[in-house]
Every structure is written in structure tokens, then in C-alpha cells.
Amino acid sequence: MIDAVLFDVDGTLVDTNYLHATTWWQAFLQYGHTVPMGNIHRAIGMGSDKLLDHLLPDGRDRDADDAIRSAHTALYAQYWSRLTPFDGAADLLRACAGWGNRVVLASSAAVPELKALRAALDADDAIDEATSASEVEESKPSPDLVQLALERAGVPADRAVFVGDTRWDVEAAARAGMPCVCVLSGGWSRDELQEAGAAAVYDGPRALLDDLGASPLT
């Protein structure tokens, strides 16, 4: 039996991946980098420490990296009051809590952004713990964030499952020693997620909840 369910937030519970892609694209342009939007989308799910190295040239002026991050934060913050959870996201959290699972948000968002995400979800009654980017040295696909969420859940890795939406979630969960169940709501394809090693793939939070029915994750 599973004692804890750890959740990625962006693209998994809240519809933000394309907002992030657009605002990163704008931030890059401000500092002279033209990055294809499709490439940016495939990097969403990484923290900014990994994302910039993944998308920008090695020989760039790294002194501008902090300014690019700040530009993205400012652009994305314009949407905070309008963030929308996916259908079934809050119900899924409450169902997991109702089955006796510890529910932990494993978010790489900074604290102010995480607050906006939690406000959009409106399900704090079902959430036991949450993480933020400032609490770990490396973001996904490194396992740091998932391991911290696991520590806060207070259960061993073989008694937990991670729910995410990207290859980076699958890789981070595997490195932390647990399976990852994925949803398609972040824009990654079923084949991509299965090839990455996802234990199961669902259309979105509602489809996952409907499949579980009255039975907890096992």
C-alpha cells in the first residue's frame, strides 16, 4: 500500500506550463536570446538553474542569468491571480488525503509563486506539506526536491508515489527510488512519458481520479 502521494504542481495540478513557456520566451528576448517556444516547453519542469543551461549557449554571458530569471518572474507574476487548476485537481488531492495518504506538493516554485499556486488549487485542507525552490540545491531532474518531499511525508520511498507531467518528473522520482504516475495535462505525449519510464499515464487529474474510483493508489 502507498502511504504518501507526492505531487508536482505546474502542469500537473495547475494549468501553467504554457504560461511559463511564453514568459520565459519573453524574458530571453529581453536579453538578446531567441529560443524556439517548443524547446522552452520541453524544458518546463526543470528549475531555472537547469533550464537556462539547457536552453542557452554555453558561451553566453552568465552575468545576465539572474536578470533573465527576474524578468521571467515579473512577467509570470502578472498571471498569478488568474491561475486555473485542472479539472479534478483539488478533488484528487482530497481523495488521496481521505484514503489516509500523506499529501505533499513537490514544487520547484519560489515561495511567493507557490503561494499563488496553492491559492489557485484552494485545497489546503488536503495538503500536509509542500516544498519550494529555495530549499534544495538542485532542481528536477535531480532528485533533491522529490527526496525533500519524501522526507516531509515521513515514509520510505517504497511506500510513496510521485504524480507529475514531464520526463523530468519521471527521472527525478526514479532517482529518489519511487514510481511516477503521469498526466498529459502538461503537454507531453503519452509515448514520451511512457518511454521515460512512467508507471502509468492519464489524460489529467480527473481521469486519474476516475480510474482510482473508491480505491487508493497501491
Protein backbone atom coordinates (compact mmCIF):
# COMPACT_ATOMS: atom_id res chain seq x y z
CA MET A 1 0.00 0.00 0.00
CA ILE A 2 1.01 3.59 -0.61
CA ASP A 3 1.24 5.87 2.43
CA ALA A 4 2.14 9.12 0.66
CA VAL A 5 1.38 10.76 -2.67
CA LEU A 6 3.78 13.48 -3.80
CA PHE A 7 2.55 15.91 -6.44
CA ASP A 8 4.30 18.12 -8.93
CA VAL A 9 2.19 21.27 -9.32
CA ASP A 10 2.91 23.14 -12.57
CA GLY A 11 1.30 21.28 -15.46
CA THR A 12 0.09 18.52 -13.14
CA LEU A 13 -2.40 20.27 -10.87
CA VAL A 14 -2.44 23.83 -12.24
CA ASP A 15 -2.54 24.86 -15.92
CA THR A 16 0.70 26.86 -16.08
CA ASN A 17 3.18 25.18 -18.43
CA TYR A 18 2.34 27.31 -21.46
CA LEU A 19 2.30 30.48 -19.36
CA HIS A 20 5.81 29.59 -18.23
CA ALA A 21 6.89 28.88 -21.81
CA THR A 22 5.58 32.24 -23.02
CA THR A 23 7.09 34.27 -20.19
CA TRP A 24 10.48 32.54 -20.46
CA TRP A 25 10.43 33.29 -24.21
CA GLN A 26 9.76 36.95 -23.47
CA ALA A 27 12.46 37.08 -20.78
CA PHE A 28 15.02 35.52 -23.15
CA LEU A 29 14.16 38.05 -25.87
CA GLN A 30 14.72 40.91 -23.45
CA TYR A 31 18.32 39.77 -23.09
CA GLY A 32 19.02 39.01 -26.72
CA HIS A 33 18.27 35.28 -26.86
CA THR A 34 15.82 33.89 -29.42
CA VAL A 35 14.77 30.45 -28.19
CA PRO A 36 12.11 28.38 -30.02
CA MET A 37 8.94 28.10 -27.97
CA GLY A 38 8.79 24.34 -28.45
CA ASN A 39 12.23 23.96 -26.90
CA ILE A 40 11.18 26.06 -23.93
CA HIS A 41 8.06 23.99 -23.39
CA ARG A 42 10.09 20.79 -23.26
CA ALA A 43 12.29 22.33 -20.54
CA ILE A 44 9.40 23.38 -18.30
CA GLY A 45 9.52 21.24 -15.19
CA MET A 46 13.20 21.94 -14.66
CA GLY A 47 14.09 24.62 -12.15
CA SER A 48 15.64 27.77 -13.55
CA ASP A 49 19.11 26.57 -12.53
CA LYS A 50 18.80 23.72 -15.03
CA LEU A 51 16.54 25.41 -17.57
CA LEU A 52 18.91 28.22 -18.55
CA ASP A 53 21.83 25.85 -19.06
CA HIS A 54 19.57 23.52 -21.06
CA LEU A 55 18.30 26.24 -23.41
CA LEU A 56 21.02 28.89 -23.71
CA PRO A 57 24.51 28.65 -25.27
CA ASP A 58 27.39 27.57 -23.05
CA GLY A 59 29.40 30.62 -24.08
CA ARG A 60 26.75 33.17 -23.06
CA ASP A 61 27.34 35.99 -20.60
CA ARG A 62 26.23 34.24 -17.42
CA ASP A 63 26.24 37.54 -15.55
CA ALA A 64 22.83 38.13 -17.13
CA ASP A 65 21.30 34.86 -15.84
CA ASP A 66 19.89 36.36 -12.64
CA ALA A 67 18.35 39.22 -14.60
CA ILE A 68 16.71 36.76 -17.01
CA ARG A 69 15.26 34.83 -14.08
CA SER A 70 13.96 38.04 -12.54
CA ALA A 71 12.39 39.07 -15.84
CA HIS A 72 10.62 35.73 -16.10
CA THR A 73 9.34 36.02 -12.53
CA ALA A 74 7.99 39.52 -13.14
CA LEU A 75 6.30 38.52 -16.39
CA TYR A 76 4.79 35.33 -14.96
CA ALA A 77 3.59 37.12 -11.79
CA GLN A 78 1.11 39.03 -13.93
CA TYR A 79 -0.87 35.78 -14.24
CA TRP A 80 -0.83 34.74 -10.57
CA SER A 81 -4.32 36.00 -9.79
CA ARG A 82 -5.70 34.16 -12.84
CA LEU A 83 -4.06 30.75 -12.43
CA THR A 84 -6.52 27.91 -13.01
CA PRO A 85 -6.36 24.37 -11.60
CA PHE A 86 -7.08 21.44 -13.88
CA ASP A 87 -10.45 19.74 -13.59
CA GLY A 88 -10.34 17.26 -10.74
CA ALA A 89 -7.05 18.52 -9.25
CA ALA A 90 -8.45 19.56 -5.86
CA ASP A 91 -10.74 16.51 -5.76
CA LEU A 92 -7.74 14.25 -6.40
CA LEU A 93 -5.80 15.80 -3.51
CA ARG A 94 -8.78 15.43 -1.19
CA ALA A 95 -9.38 11.84 -2.29
CA CYS A 96 -5.78 10.90 -1.53
CA ALA A 97 -6.00 12.58 1.87
CA GLY A 98 -9.32 10.86 2.52
CA TRP A 99 -7.72 7.46 1.88
CA GLY A 100 -5.20 8.23 4.61
CA ASN A 101 -2.27 9.16 2.36
CA ARG A 102 0.12 11.94 3.27
CA VAL A 103 -0.23 14.57 0.51
CA VAL A 104 2.88 16.63 -0.27
CA LEU A 105 3.37 19.21 -3.02
CA ALA A 106 6.84 18.80 -4.54
CA SER A 107 7.04 22.16 -6.25
CA SER A 108 10.19 23.86 -7.53
CA ALA A 109 8.41 27.22 -7.41
CA ALA A 110 9.72 30.02 -5.22
CA VAL A 111 7.71 30.77 -2.08
CA PRO A 112 5.59 33.66 -3.47
CA GLU A 113 4.75 31.66 -6.61
CA LEU A 114 3.92 28.58 -4.56
CA LYS A 115 1.52 30.67 -2.51
CA ALA A 116 -0.26 31.71 -5.73
CA LEU A 117 -0.42 28.09 -6.90
CA ARG A 118 -1.90 26.95 -3.60
CA ALA A 119 -4.45 29.75 -3.73
CA ALA A 120 -5.49 28.60 -7.21
CA LEU A 121 -5.84 25.00 -6.02
CA ASP A 122 -7.87 26.02 -2.95
CA ALA A 123 -7.25 22.62 -1.34
CA ASP A 124 -5.02 23.40 1.64
CA ASP A 125 -7.27 21.22 3.80
CA ALA A 126 -5.89 18.20 1.91
CA ILE A 127 -2.21 19.22 1.77
CA ASP A 128 0.11 18.10 4.56
CA GLU A 129 3.39 19.63 3.36
CA ALA A 130 4.95 21.48 0.42
CA THR A 131 8.42 22.29 -0.91
CA SER A 132 9.88 25.34 -2.60
CA ALA A 133 12.88 26.02 -4.83
CA SER A 134 14.82 27.79 -2.08
CA GLU A 135 15.03 24.61 0.00
CA VAL A 136 17.13 22.45 -2.32
CA GLU A 137 20.49 22.77 -4.07
CA GLU A 138 19.36 21.34 -7.41
CA SER A 139 16.01 21.16 -9.16
CA LYS A 140 14.48 18.39 -11.27
CA PRO A 141 15.58 16.14 -12.91
CA SER A 142 17.90 15.93 -9.90
CA PRO A 143 16.12 14.07 -7.08
CA ASP A 144 16.67 16.71 -4.36
CA LEU A 145 13.15 18.13 -4.47
CA VAL A 146 11.44 14.75 -4.50
CA GLN A 147 13.66 13.49 -1.69
CA LEU A 148 12.80 16.55 0.40
CA ALA A 149 9.09 15.98 -0.22
CA LEU A 150 9.56 12.33 0.76
CA GLU A 151 11.27 13.37 3.99
CA ARG A 152 8.36 15.66 4.79
CA ALA A 153 5.92 12.87 4.08
CA GLY A 154 7.78 10.77 6.64
CA VAL A 155 7.58 7.50 4.71
CA PRO A 156 10.14 5.33 2.86
CA ALA A 157 10.38 5.60 -0.93
CA ASP A 158 8.76 2.19 -1.45
CA ARG A 159 5.62 3.49 0.30
CA ALA A 160 5.23 6.57 -1.89
CA VAL A 161 4.34 7.52 -5.46
CA PHE A 162 5.04 10.70 -7.38
CA VAL A 163 2.49 12.31 -9.73
CA GLY A 164 3.89 14.54 -12.48
CA ASP A 165 3.58 15.60 -16.10
CA THR A 166 7.06 15.65 -17.64
CA ARG A 167 10.06 13.47 -18.33
CA TRP A 168 11.90 15.49 -15.65
CA ASP A 169 9.36 14.35 -13.05
CA VAL A 170 9.80 10.71 -14.05
CA GLU A 171 13.60 10.96 -13.88
CA ALA A 172 13.60 12.75 -10.51
CA ALA A 173 11.20 10.21 -9.00
CA ALA A 174 13.25 7.28 -10.30
CA ARG A 175 16.43 8.73 -8.80
CA ALA A 176 14.59 9.08 -5.49
CA GLY A 177 13.55 5.42 -5.70
CA MET A 178 9.84 5.68 -6.42
CA PRO A 179 7.46 5.25 -9.37
CA CYS A 180 5.95 8.21 -11.20
CA VAL A 181 2.37 8.30 -12.44
CA CYS A 182 1.94 10.95 -15.15
CA VAL A 183 -0.82 13.11 -16.56
CA LEU A 184 -0.96 14.55 -20.08
CA SER A 185 -2.17 17.98 -18.94
CA GLY A 186 1.32 19.49 -19.14
CA GLY A 187 1.57 18.93 -22.88
CA TRP A 188 3.93 15.93 -23.03
CA SER A 189 2.73 13.00 -25.11
CA ARG A 190 1.81 9.58 -23.77
CA ASP A 191 4.62 7.94 -25.76
CA GLU A 192 7.22 10.38 -24.41
CA LEU A 193 6.18 9.77 -20.82
CA GLN A 194 6.00 6.01 -21.21
CA GLU A 195 9.42 5.93 -22.87
CA ALA A 196 10.78 7.96 -19.94
CA GLY A 197 9.53 5.25 -17.59
CA ALA A 198 6.18 6.48 -16.27
CA ALA A 199 4.36 3.74 -14.34
CA ALA A 200 1.02 4.86 -15.82
CA VAL A 201 -0.25 7.80 -17.86
CA TYR A 202 -3.65 9.51 -17.60
CA ASP A 203 -5.29 12.32 -19.56
CA GLY A 204 -5.38 14.58 -16.50
CA PRO A 205 -6.17 14.71 -12.76
CA ARG A 206 -9.86 13.92 -13.32
CA ALA A 207 -9.05 10.85 -15.40
CA LEU A 208 -6.63 9.64 -12.72
CA LEU A 209 -9.23 10.14 -10.01
CA ASP A 210 -11.94 8.42 -12.08
CA ASP A 211 -9.66 5.43 -12.67
CA LEU A 212 -8.91 5.13 -8.96
CA GLY A 213 -12.60 5.25 -8.12
CA ALA A 214 -13.04 4.30 -4.49
CA SER A 215 -9.65 2.60 -4.24
CA PRO A 216 -6.45 4.32 -3.10
CA LEU A 217 -3.21 4.21 -5.06
CA THR A 218 -1.43 0.90 -4.45
